[in-house]
């Protein structure tokens, strides 16, 4: 496949008047199918490096003009001492049996390593009315996954919730005695979207010694094939691609991702956190660039598949 980059559509510079920066983990929602109005949920950071959920709207026919922005956060970090008291970053939104479910990463600062992550959930019963199901996480470290888990992507298929998430494998001290995290992509299932059966099933693993981390995956199930786009990091993030017939056993085909860093500019060092959506017989990708979203959100269109 081949993606044509259309350009930077959201520059976080416009957030300075709100004392915010960056624009991590975009999620697209088509709110007007006829006119092509797209609402993008994203997570900017405040001066303490804490992220929460905001949104902006644009017209797919004029993607470089922001129509409207949320005046404030629509979903805030958790209470002091909770798993998400240091910020949240989006995973995915899925239509469940009763309403939309929002899955996200909760950030918690620690001492010997920089952070601990767990996965949280909220229900969206009305537009932008995010309601936590409780103050705690739905997935966190356990007996067999003793470190962080994060970056959930969920599909609801045949009355089953299916989650692909990032699971931290280990921490290793590097040559400068700084903790370095290693994590891959795993799989879990749930009947209700809250209580999960996780059996440490690794879907996407390291391909060579230079790889050590994966970012939030995006999964489509179409034409009897599961397709996954994800971020994979050596020195910097790039976007990878994999396919599966069952959603559990995957074959990496990174050479088919069809998109990479630019020669210069806002996405010349890294590209990550892809989100795919379709409108008017075209397929589009939102993604972040340099600095894990520090330089903003770009848009690409699929030309050949």
C-alpha atoms as a PDB file:
ATOM      1  CA  UNK A   1       0.000   0.000   0.000  1.00  0.00           C
ATOM      2  CA  UNK A   2       1.059   3.592  -0.498  1.00  0.00           C
ATOM      3  CA  UNK A   3      -0.008   6.574   1.590  1.00  0.00           C
ATOM      4  CA  UNK A   4       0.253  10.130   0.286  1.00  0.00           C
ATOM      5  CA  UNK A   5       0.936  12.637   3.014  1.00  0.00           C
ATOM      6  CA  UNK A   6      -1.399  15.626   2.831  1.00  0.00           C
ATOM      7  CA  UNK A   7       0.406  17.565   5.537  1.00  0.00           C
ATOM      8  CA  UNK A   8       0.221  18.872   9.092  1.00  0.00           C
ATOM      9  CA  UNK A   9      -3.421  19.567   9.975  1.00  0.00           C
ATOM     10  CA  UNK A  10      -3.074  20.407  13.673  1.00  0.00           C
ATOM     11  CA  UNK A  11      -0.153  22.426  14.999  1.00  0.00           C
ATOM     12  CA  UNK A  12      -0.037  22.507  18.831  1.00  0.00           C
ATOM     13  CA  UNK A  13       1.320  26.047  18.672  1.00  0.00           C
ATOM     14  CA  UNK A  14      -2.318  27.163  18.710  1.00  0.00           C
ATOM     15  CA  UNK A  15      -2.645  25.697  22.207  1.00  0.00           C
ATOM     16  CA  UNK A  16      -0.148  28.098  23.791  1.00  0.00           C
ATOM     17  CA  UNK A  17      -2.903  30.443  24.942  1.00  0.00           C
ATOM     18  CA  UNK A  18      -4.245  27.494  26.983  1.00  0.00           C
ATOM     19  CA  UNK A  19      -0.780  26.722  28.403  1.00  0.00           C
ATOM     20  CA  UNK A  20      -0.858  23.377  26.589  1.00  0.00           C
ATOM     21  CA  UNK A  21       1.520  21.662  24.191  1.00  0.00           C
ATOM     22  CA  UNK A  22       1.728  18.549  21.983  1.00  0.00           C
ATOM     23  CA  UNK A  23      -1.203  16.612  20.505  1.00  0.00           C
ATOM     24  CA  UNK A  24      -0.852  12.909  21.231  1.00  0.00           C
ATOM     25  CA  UNK A  25      -2.835   9.857  20.124  1.00  0.00           C
ATOM     26  CA  UNK A  26      -5.478  11.154  17.675  1.00  0.00           C
ATOM     27  CA  UNK A  27      -8.829   9.359  17.371  1.00  0.00           C
ATOM     28  CA  UNK A  28     -11.123  10.319  14.472  1.00  0.00           C
ATOM     29  CA  UNK A  29     -14.921  10.352  14.651  1.00  0.00           C
ATOM     30  CA  UNK A  30     -17.014  11.249  11.581  1.00  0.00           C
ATOM     31  CA  UNK A  31     -19.793  13.483  12.895  1.00  0.00           C
ATOM     32  CA  UNK A  32     -21.269  14.567   9.527  1.00  0.00           C
ATOM     33  CA  UNK A  33     -21.062  11.893   6.864  1.00  0.00           C
ATOM     34  CA  UNK A  34     -22.470  14.105   4.107  1.00  0.00           C
ATOM     35  CA  UNK A  35     -20.265  17.144   4.708  1.00  0.00           C
ATOM     36  CA  UNK A  36     -17.174  15.245   5.822  1.00  0.00           C
ATOM     37  CA  UNK A  37     -16.870  16.860   9.256  1.00  0.00           C
ATOM     38  CA  UNK A  38     -14.325  15.008  11.377  1.00  0.00           C
ATOM     39  CA  UNK A  39     -13.936  15.319  15.134  1.00  0.00           C
ATOM     40  CA  UNK A  40     -10.500  14.399  16.445  1.00  0.00           C
ATOM     41  CA  UNK A  41      -9.944  13.540  20.081  1.00  0.00           C
ATOM     42  CA  UNK A  42      -6.338  14.036  21.185  1.00  0.00           C
ATOM     43  CA  UNK A  43      -4.290  14.462  24.349  1.00  0.00           C
ATOM     44  CA  UNK A  44      -2.234  17.638  24.872  1.00  0.00           C
ATOM     45  CA  UNK A  45       0.088  18.156  27.839  1.00  0.00           C
ATOM     46  CA  UNK A  46      -0.027  20.881  30.479  1.00  0.00           C
ATOM     47  CA  UNK A  47       2.991  22.589  32.088  1.00  0.00           C
ATOM     48  CA  UNK A  48       3.425  19.586  34.417  1.00  0.00           C
ATOM     49  CA  UNK A  49       3.561  17.217  31.428  1.00  0.00           C
ATOM     50  CA  UNK A  50       0.130  15.818  32.345  1.00  0.00           C
ATOM     51  CA  UNK A  51      -2.179  14.964  29.446  1.00  0.00           C
ATOM     52  CA  UNK A  52      -5.973  14.985  29.211  1.00  0.00           C
ATOM     53  CA  UNK A  53      -8.538  14.647  26.405  1.00  0.00           C
ATOM     54  CA  UNK A  54      -9.448  17.559  24.108  1.00  0.00           C
ATOM     55  CA  UNK A  55     -10.887  17.684  20.582  1.00  0.00           C
ATOM     56  CA  UNK A  56     -10.939  19.722  17.399  1.00  0.00           C
ATOM     57  CA  UNK A  57     -13.045  19.567  14.230  1.00  0.00           C
ATOM     58  CA  UNK A  58     -12.108  19.920  10.575  1.00  0.00           C
ATOM     59  CA  UNK A  59     -13.677  19.357   7.165  1.00  0.00           C
ATOM     60  CA  UNK A  60     -12.003  16.585   5.198  1.00  0.00           C
ATOM     61  CA  UNK A  61     -12.374  18.751   2.075  1.00  0.00           C
ATOM     62  CA  UNK A  62     -10.357  21.523   3.758  1.00  0.00           C
ATOM     63  CA  UNK A  63      -8.264  19.705   6.375  1.00  0.00           C
ATOM     64  CA  UNK A  64      -5.939  22.628   7.095  1.00  0.00           C
ATOM     65  CA  UNK A  65      -8.680  24.777   8.639  1.00  0.00           C
ATOM     66  CA  UNK A  66      -9.729  24.079  12.227  1.00  0.00           C
ATOM     67  CA  UNK A  67     -13.506  24.610  12.482  1.00  0.00           C
ATOM     68  CA  UNK A  68     -13.820  24.383  16.247  1.00  0.00           C
ATOM     69  CA  UNK A  69     -11.885  23.352  19.360  1.00  0.00           C
ATOM     70  CA  UNK A  70     -13.032  22.118  22.752  1.00  0.00           C
ATOM     71  CA  UNK A  71     -12.823  25.005  25.254  1.00  0.00           C
ATOM     72  CA  UNK A  72     -11.392  22.678  27.906  1.00  0.00           C
ATOM     73  CA  UNK A  73     -10.695  19.034  28.633  1.00  0.00           C
ATOM     74  CA  UNK A  74     -13.583  16.609  28.133  1.00  0.00           C
ATOM     75  CA  UNK A  75     -11.933  13.883  30.222  1.00  0.00           C
ATOM     76  CA  UNK A  76      -9.512  14.671  33.030  1.00  0.00           C
ATOM     77  CA  UNK A  77      -6.754  12.844  34.862  1.00  0.00           C
ATOM     78  CA  UNK A  78      -7.695  10.818  37.934  1.00  0.00           C
ATOM     79  CA  UNK A  79      -7.718  11.737  41.593  1.00  0.00           C
ATOM     80  CA  UNK A  80      -4.556  11.917  43.676  1.00  0.00           C
ATOM     81  CA  UNK A  81      -3.070   8.468  44.215  1.00  0.00           C
ATOM     82  CA  UNK A  82      -5.086   6.781  41.476  1.00  0.00           C
ATOM     83  CA  UNK A  83      -3.541   4.950  38.523  1.00  0.00           C
ATOM     84  CA  UNK A  84      -4.172   7.935  36.224  1.00  0.00           C
ATOM     85  CA  UNK A  85      -3.362  10.853  38.520  1.00  0.00           C
ATOM     86  CA  UNK A  86      -0.415  11.960  36.346  1.00  0.00           C
ATOM     87  CA  UNK A  87      -2.255  12.045  33.019  1.00  0.00           C
ATOM     88  CA  UNK A  88      -4.139   9.990  30.470  1.00  0.00           C
ATOM     89  CA  UNK A  89      -3.561   9.182  26.797  1.00  0.00           C
ATOM     90  CA  UNK A  90      -6.167   7.778  24.443  1.00  0.00           C
ATOM     91  CA  UNK A  91      -6.346   4.227  23.200  1.00  0.00           C
ATOM     92  CA  UNK A  92      -9.612   3.770  21.326  1.00  0.00           C
ATOM     93  CA  UNK A  93     -13.360   4.361  21.304  1.00  0.00           C
ATOM     94  CA  UNK A  94     -15.617   1.415  20.445  1.00  0.00           C
ATOM     95  CA  UNK A  95     -19.401   1.149  20.148  1.00  0.00           C
ATOM     96  CA  UNK A  96     -20.518  -1.387  22.746  1.00  0.00           C
ATOM     97  CA  UNK A  97     -23.961  -2.931  23.261  1.00  0.00           C
ATOM     98  CA  UNK A  98     -25.326   0.039  25.224  1.00  0.00           C
ATOM     99  CA  UNK A  99     -23.085   3.038  24.447  1.00  0.00           C
ATOM    100  CA  UNK A 100     -19.587   4.006  23.332  1.00  0.00           C
ATOM    101  CA  UNK A 101     -16.673   2.805  25.467  1.00  0.00           C
ATOM    102  CA  UNK A 102     -13.464   4.814  25.810  1.00  0.00           C
ATOM    103  CA  UNK A 103     -10.249   2.921  26.601  1.00  0.00           C
ATOM    104  CA  UNK A 104      -7.122   4.760  27.666  1.00  0.00           C
ATOM    105  CA  UNK A 105      -3.716   4.649  29.337  1.00  0.00           C
ATOM    106  CA  UNK A 106      -3.414   6.011  32.857  1.00  0.00           C
ATOM    107  CA  UNK A 107      -0.043   7.456  33.900  1.00  0.00           C
ATOM    108  CA  UNK A 108       1.398   7.141  37.399  1.00  0.00           C
ATOM    109  CA  UNK A 109       4.822   8.516  38.368  1.00  0.00           C
ATOM    110  CA  UNK A 110       7.165   6.212  40.270  1.00  0.00           C
ATOM    111  CA  UNK A 111      10.628   6.360  41.881  1.00  0.00           C
ATOM    112  CA  UNK A 112      13.139   3.830  40.515  1.00  0.00           C
ATOM    113  CA  UNK A 113      11.633   3.886  37.026  1.00  0.00           C
ATOM    114  CA  UNK A 114       9.956   6.915  35.386  1.00  0.00           C
ATOM    115  CA  UNK A 115       6.354   5.669  35.387  1.00  0.00           C
ATOM    116  CA  UNK A 116       3.817   2.893  35.742  1.00  0.00           C
ATOM    117  CA  UNK A 117       0.938   2.552  33.266  1.00  0.00           C
ATOM    118  CA  UNK A 118      -2.432   0.835  33.564  1.00  0.00           C
ATOM    119  CA  UNK A 119      -5.524   0.723  31.345  1.00  0.00           C
ATOM    120  CA  UNK A 120      -8.721   2.527  32.230  1.00  0.00           C
ATOM    121  CA  UNK A 121     -12.194   2.795  30.762  1.00  0.00           C
ATOM    122  CA  UNK A 122     -15.056   5.276  30.617  1.00  0.00           C
ATOM    123  CA  UNK A 123     -18.506   5.118  29.064  1.00  0.00           C
ATOM    124  CA  UNK A 124     -19.682   7.838  26.670  1.00  0.00           C
ATOM    125  CA  UNK A 125     -23.467   7.836  26.995  1.00  0.00           C
ATOM    126  CA  UNK A 126     -23.884  11.281  25.413  1.00  0.00           C
ATOM    127  CA  UNK A 127     -21.589  13.400  23.250  1.00  0.00           C
ATOM    128  CA  UNK A 128     -18.433  14.237  25.237  1.00  0.00           C
ATOM    129  CA  UNK A 129     -20.006  12.969  28.449  1.00  0.00           C
ATOM    130  CA  UNK A 130     -17.213  10.652  29.558  1.00  0.00           C
ATOM    131  CA  UNK A 131     -18.045   8.759  32.774  1.00  0.00           C
ATOM    132  CA  UNK A 132     -15.453   6.672  34.588  1.00  0.00           C
ATOM    133  CA  UNK A 133     -16.730   3.231  35.487  1.00  0.00           C
ATOM    134  CA  UNK A 134     -14.682   3.544  38.666  1.00  0.00           C
ATOM    135  CA  UNK A 135     -11.506   5.094  40.066  1.00  0.00           C
ATOM    136  CA  UNK A 136      -9.337   2.054  39.336  1.00  0.00           C
ATOM    137  CA  UNK A 137      -7.973   0.409  36.173  1.00  0.00           C
ATOM    138  CA  UNK A 138      -9.520  -2.473  34.220  1.00  0.00           C
ATOM    139  CA  UNK A 139      -6.057  -3.856  33.369  1.00  0.00           C
ATOM    140  CA  UNK A 140      -2.918  -3.382  35.399  1.00  0.00           C
ATOM    141  CA  UNK A 141       0.224  -5.345  36.220  1.00  0.00           C
ATOM    142  CA  UNK A 142      -0.372  -8.793  37.669  1.00  0.00           C
ATOM    143  CA  UNK A 143       1.414 -12.024  38.622  1.00  0.00           C
ATOM    144  CA  UNK A 144       2.542 -12.854  35.077  1.00  0.00           C
ATOM    145  CA  UNK A 145       2.771  -9.319  33.649  1.00  0.00           C
ATOM    146  CA  UNK A 146       4.599  -7.598  36.533  1.00  0.00           C
ATOM    147  CA  UNK A 147       5.232  -4.276  34.808  1.00  0.00           C
ATOM    148  CA  UNK A 148       3.034  -1.746  33.013  1.00  0.00           C
ATOM    149  CA  UNK A 149       0.285  -2.298  30.466  1.00  0.00           C
ATOM    150  CA  UNK A 150      -1.056   0.467  28.239  1.00  0.00           C
ATOM    151  CA  UNK A 151      -2.187   1.665  24.796  1.00  0.00           C
ATOM    152  CA  UNK A 152      -5.380  -0.365  24.335  1.00  0.00           C
ATOM    153  CA  UNK A 153      -7.197  -0.806  21.025  1.00  0.00           C
ATOM    154  CA  UNK A 154     -10.567  -2.555  21.253  1.00  0.00           C
ATOM    155  CA  UNK A 155     -12.964  -4.106  18.725  1.00  0.00           C
ATOM    156  CA  UNK A 156     -16.452  -5.403  19.574  1.00  0.00           C
ATOM    157  CA  UNK A 157     -17.154  -8.480  17.453  1.00  0.00           C
ATOM    158  CA  UNK A 158     -19.838 -11.158  17.821  1.00  0.00           C
ATOM    159  CA  UNK A 159     -20.671  -9.943  21.347  1.00  0.00           C
ATOM    160  CA  UNK A 160     -17.000 -10.218  22.399  1.00  0.00           C
ATOM    161  CA  UNK A 161     -14.666  -7.364  23.248  1.00  0.00           C
ATOM    162  CA  UNK A 162     -11.213  -7.965  21.775  1.00  0.00           C
ATOM    163  CA  UNK A 163      -8.263  -5.890  23.007  1.00  0.00           C
ATOM    164  CA  UNK A 164      -4.747  -5.474  21.663  1.00  0.00           C
ATOM    165  CA  UNK A 165      -2.573  -3.673  24.180  1.00  0.00           C
ATOM    166  CA  UNK A 166       1.040  -2.841  24.918  1.00  0.00           C
ATOM    167  CA  UNK A 167       2.585  -4.897  27.701  1.00  0.00           C
ATOM    168  CA  UNK A 168       5.880  -3.993  29.302  1.00  0.00           C
ATOM    169  CA  UNK A 169       8.287  -6.892  29.173  1.00  0.00           C
ATOM    170  CA  UNK A 170      11.021  -5.545  31.415  1.00  0.00           C
ATOM    171  CA  UNK A 171      13.090  -2.582  32.532  1.00  0.00           C
ATOM    172  CA  UNK A 172      16.832  -2.636  31.773  1.00  0.00           C
ATOM    173  CA  UNK A 173      19.493  -0.178  32.921  1.00  0.00           C
ATOM    174  CA  UNK A 174      21.308   1.222  29.898  1.00  0.00           C
ATOM    175  CA  UNK A 175      24.983   2.168  29.664  1.00  0.00           C
ATOM    176  CA  UNK A 176      24.252   5.431  31.493  1.00  0.00           C
ATOM    177  CA  UNK A 177      22.419   3.582  34.288  1.00  0.00           C
ATOM    178  CA  UNK A 178      19.087   4.958  33.077  1.00  0.00           C
ATOM    179  CA  UNK A 179      16.061   2.601  33.065  1.00  0.00           C
ATOM    180  CA  UNK A 180      14.982   1.607  29.545  1.00  0.00           C
ATOM    181  CA  UNK A 181      11.570   0.028  28.956  1.00  0.00           C
ATOM    182  CA  UNK A 182      10.855  -2.942  26.676  1.00  0.00           C
ATOM    183  CA  UNK A 183       7.309  -3.713  25.612  1.00  0.00           C
ATOM    184  CA  UNK A 184       5.434  -5.649  22.966  1.00  0.00           C
ATOM    185  CA  UNK A 185       1.788  -6.029  21.850  1.00  0.00           C
ATOM    186  CA  UNK A 186      -0.477  -8.610  23.515  1.00  0.00           C
ATOM    187  CA  UNK A 187      -4.103  -9.753  23.272  1.00  0.00           C
ATOM    188  CA  UNK A 188      -7.053 -10.162  25.676  1.00  0.00           C
ATOM    189  CA  UNK A 189     -10.813 -10.849  25.491  1.00  0.00           C
ATOM    190  CA  UNK A 190     -13.853  -9.820  27.543  1.00  0.00           C
ATOM    191  CA  UNK A 191     -17.577 -10.525  27.693  1.00  0.00           C
ATOM    192  CA  UNK A 192     -18.487  -7.126  29.163  1.00  0.00           C
ATOM    193  CA  UNK A 193     -15.579  -4.848  28.196  1.00  0.00           C
ATOM    194  CA  UNK A 194     -14.544  -4.484  31.844  1.00  0.00           C
ATOM    195  CA  UNK A 195     -13.327  -7.872  33.086  1.00  0.00           C
ATOM    196  CA  UNK A 196     -10.635  -9.288  30.824  1.00  0.00           C
ATOM    197  CA  UNK A 197      -9.205 -12.735  30.151  1.00  0.00           C
ATOM    198  CA  UNK A 198      -5.531 -12.124  29.477  1.00  0.00           C
ATOM    199  CA  UNK A 199      -3.287 -15.083  28.840  1.00  0.00           C
ATOM    200  CA  UNK A 200      -0.067 -13.276  27.939  1.00  0.00           C
ATOM    201  CA  UNK A 201      -0.596 -13.917  24.229  1.00  0.00           C
ATOM    202  CA  UNK A 202       2.087 -11.950  22.346  1.00  0.00           C
ATOM    203  CA  UNK A 203       0.856 -10.708  18.960  1.00  0.00           C
ATOM    204  CA  UNK A 204       3.697  -8.441  17.829  1.00  0.00           C
ATOM    205  CA  UNK A 205       7.184  -9.024  19.194  1.00  0.00           C
ATOM    206  CA  UNK A 206      10.664  -7.603  18.683  1.00  0.00           C
ATOM    207  CA  UNK A 207      12.122  -8.393  15.279  1.00  0.00           C
ATOM    208  CA  UNK A 208      15.746  -7.565  16.082  1.00  0.00           C
ATOM    209  CA  UNK A 209      17.958  -6.308  18.905  1.00  0.00           C
ATOM    210  CA  UNK A 210      17.445  -2.647  18.001  1.00  0.00           C
ATOM    211  CA  UNK A 211      13.689  -2.775  18.633  1.00  0.00           C
ATOM    212  CA  UNK A 212      12.453  -2.299  22.178  1.00  0.00           C
ATOM    213  CA  UNK A 213       9.021  -0.646  22.133  1.00  0.00           C
ATOM    214  CA  UNK A 214       5.693  -0.548  20.328  1.00  0.00           C
ATOM    215  CA  UNK A 215       3.063   2.189  20.359  1.00  0.00           C
ATOM    216  CA  UNK A 216      -0.717   2.057  20.253  1.00  0.00           C
ATOM    217  CA  UNK A 217      -1.934  -0.320  17.544  1.00  0.00           C
ATOM    218  CA  UNK A 218      -4.866   0.241  15.178  1.00  0.00           C
ATOM    219  CA  UNK A 219      -6.750  -2.819  13.911  1.00  0.00           C
ATOM    220  CA  UNK A 220      -9.220  -3.344  11.070  1.00  0.00           C
ATOM    221  CA  UNK A 221     -11.103  -6.547  10.298  1.00  0.00           C
ATOM    222  CA  UNK A 222     -12.058  -6.611   6.631  1.00  0.00           C
ATOM    223  CA  UNK A 223     -12.171  -9.127   3.766  1.00  0.00           C
ATOM    224  CA  UNK A 224     -11.551 -12.004   6.209  1.00  0.00           C
ATOM    225  CA  UNK A 225      -8.272 -10.446   7.262  1.00  0.00           C
ATOM    226  CA  UNK A 226      -7.160  -8.514  10.332  1.00  0.00           C
ATOM    227  CA  UNK A 227      -4.852  -5.607   9.532  1.00  0.00           C
ATOM    228  CA  UNK A 228      -2.772  -3.838  12.138  1.00  0.00           C
ATOM    229  CA  UNK A 229      -0.858  -0.580  11.952  1.00  0.00           C
ATOM    230  CA  UNK A 230       1.393   0.171  14.908  1.00  0.00           C
ATOM    231  CA  UNK A 231       4.414   2.166  15.984  1.00  0.00           C
ATOM    232  CA  UNK A 232       7.728   0.400  16.495  1.00  0.00           C
ATOM    233  CA  UNK A 233      10.799   2.004  17.986  1.00  0.00           C
ATOM    234  CA  UNK A 234      14.503   1.584  17.668  1.00  0.00           C
ATOM    235  CA  UNK A 235      16.145   4.999  17.895  1.00  0.00           C
ATOM    236  CA  UNK A 236      12.851   6.580  16.786  1.00  0.00           C
ATOM    237  CA  UNK A 237       9.306   5.482  16.070  1.00  0.00           C
ATOM    238  CA  UNK A 238       8.210   4.420  12.592  1.00  0.00           C
ATOM    239  CA  UNK A 239       4.894   2.908  11.500  1.00  0.00           C
ATOM    240  CA  UNK A 240       4.766  -0.843  10.959  1.00  0.00           C
ATOM    241  CA  UNK A 241       2.103  -3.146   9.541  1.00  0.00           C
ATOM    242  CA  UNK A 242       0.978  -6.749  10.139  1.00  0.00           C
ATOM    243  CA  UNK A 243      -1.773  -9.147   9.040  1.00  0.00           C
ATOM    244  CA  UNK A 244      -3.628 -12.015  10.721  1.00  0.00           C
ATOM    245  CA  UNK A 245      -6.470 -14.414   9.935  1.00  0.00           C
ATOM    246  CA  UNK A 246      -7.641 -14.664  13.560  1.00  0.00           C
ATOM    247  CA  UNK A 247      -6.396 -11.481  15.248  1.00  0.00           C
ATOM    248  CA  UNK A 248      -4.069 -13.462  17.520  1.00  0.00           C
ATOM    249  CA  UNK A 249      -1.336 -14.889  15.297  1.00  0.00           C
ATOM    250  CA  UNK A 250       0.230 -12.121  13.237  1.00  0.00           C
ATOM    251  CA  UNK A 251       2.736 -11.835  10.430  1.00  0.00           C
ATOM    252  CA  UNK A 252       4.721  -8.629  10.358  1.00  0.00           C
ATOM    253  CA  UNK A 253       4.846  -7.007   6.929  1.00  0.00           C
ATOM    254  CA  UNK A 254       6.438  -3.687   7.782  1.00  0.00           C
ATOM    255  CA  UNK A 255       7.568  -3.214   4.195  1.00  0.00           C
ATOM    256  CA  UNK A 256       3.888  -2.823   3.252  1.00  0.00           C
ATOM    257  CA  UNK A 257       3.189   0.000   5.711  1.00  0.00           C
ATOM    258  CA  UNK A 258       3.522   2.495   2.844  1.00  0.00           C
ATOM    259  CA  UNK A 259       4.454   5.491   4.961  1.00  0.00           C
ATOM    260  CA  UNK A 260       7.663   6.657   6.604  1.00  0.00           C
ATOM    261  CA  UNK A 261       9.395   9.797   7.861  1.00  0.00           C
ATOM    262  CA  UNK A 262       9.770  12.842   5.618  1.00  0.00           C
ATOM    263  CA  UNK A 263      13.099  14.244   4.447  1.00  0.00           C
ATOM    264  CA  UNK A 264      12.590  17.338   6.574  1.00  0.00           C
ATOM    265  CA  UNK A 265      10.024  19.114   8.688  1.00  0.00           C
ATOM    266  CA  UNK A 266       7.621  18.218  11.478  1.00  0.00           C
ATOM    267  CA  UNK A 267       7.664  14.431  10.827  1.00  0.00           C
ATOM    268  CA  UNK A 268      11.258  13.949   9.659  1.00  0.00           C
ATOM    269  CA  UNK A 269      12.507  12.164  12.813  1.00  0.00           C
ATOM    270  CA  UNK A 270       9.605   9.877  13.648  1.00  0.00           C
ATOM    271  CA  UNK A 271       5.992   9.011  12.816  1.00  0.00           C
ATOM    272  CA  UNK A 272       3.734   7.149  15.243  1.00  0.00           C
ATOM    273  CA  UNK A 273       0.250   6.490  16.675  1.00  0.00           C
ATOM    274  CA  UNK A 274      -1.648   5.936  13.392  1.00  0.00           C
ATOM    275  CA  UNK A 275      -5.452   6.054  13.307  1.00  0.00           C
ATOM    276  CA  UNK A 276      -7.348   4.967  10.165  1.00  0.00           C
ATOM    277  CA  UNK A 277     -10.802   6.108   9.009  1.00  0.00           C
ATOM    278  CA  UNK A 278     -12.816   5.955   5.785  1.00  0.00           C
ATOM    279  CA  UNK A 279     -14.903   8.650   4.137  1.00  0.00           C
ATOM    280  CA  UNK A 280     -16.418   8.908   0.662  1.00  0.00           C
ATOM    281  CA  UNK A 281     -14.632   5.796  -0.657  1.00  0.00           C
ATOM    282  CA  UNK A 282     -11.252   7.064   0.517  1.00  0.00           C
ATOM    283  CA  UNK A 283      -9.107   5.811   3.385  1.00  0.00           C
ATOM    284  CA  UNK A 284      -7.269   8.298   5.587  1.00  0.00           C
ATOM    285  CA  UNK A 285      -4.648   8.088   8.321  1.00  0.00           C
ATOM    286  CA  UNK A 286      -4.082  10.476  11.199  1.00  0.00           C
ATOM    287  CA  UNK A 287      -0.660  10.221  12.813  1.00  0.00           C
ATOM    288  CA  UNK A 288       1.809  12.050  15.051  1.00  0.00           C
ATOM    289  CA  UNK A 289       5.291  13.236  14.113  1.00  0.00           C
ATOM    290  CA  UNK A 290       8.461  14.295  15.904  1.00  0.00           C
ATOM    291  CA  UNK A 291       8.636  14.269  19.680  1.00  0.00           C
ATOM    292  CA  UNK A 292       5.745  11.844  20.325  1.00  0.00           C
ATOM    293  CA  UNK A 293       3.136  14.359  19.212  1.00  0.00           C
ATOM    294  CA  UNK A 294       5.053  17.495  20.142  1.00  0.00           C
ATOM    295  CA  UNK A 295       4.908  18.763  16.536  1.00  0.00           C
ATOM    296  CA  UNK A 296       1.266  17.873  15.942  1.00  0.00           C
ATOM    297  CA  UNK A 297      -1.058  15.701  13.875  1.00  0.00           C
ATOM    298  CA  UNK A 298      -0.761  14.921  10.173  1.00  0.00           C
ATOM    299  CA  UNK A 299      -3.146  13.469   7.598  1.00  0.00           C
ATOM    300  CA  UNK A 300      -2.432  11.002   4.807  1.00  0.00           C
ATOM    301  CA  UNK A 301      -4.641   9.391   2.143  1.00  0.00           C
ATOM    302  CA  UNK A 302      -4.272   5.845   0.830  1.00  0.00           C
ATOM    303  CA  UNK A 303      -3.491   5.902  -2.910  1.00  0.00           C
ATOM    304  CA  UNK A 304      -2.733   2.240  -3.686  1.00  0.00           C
ATOM    305  CA  UNK A 305      -3.561  -0.924  -1.781  1.00  0.00           C
END
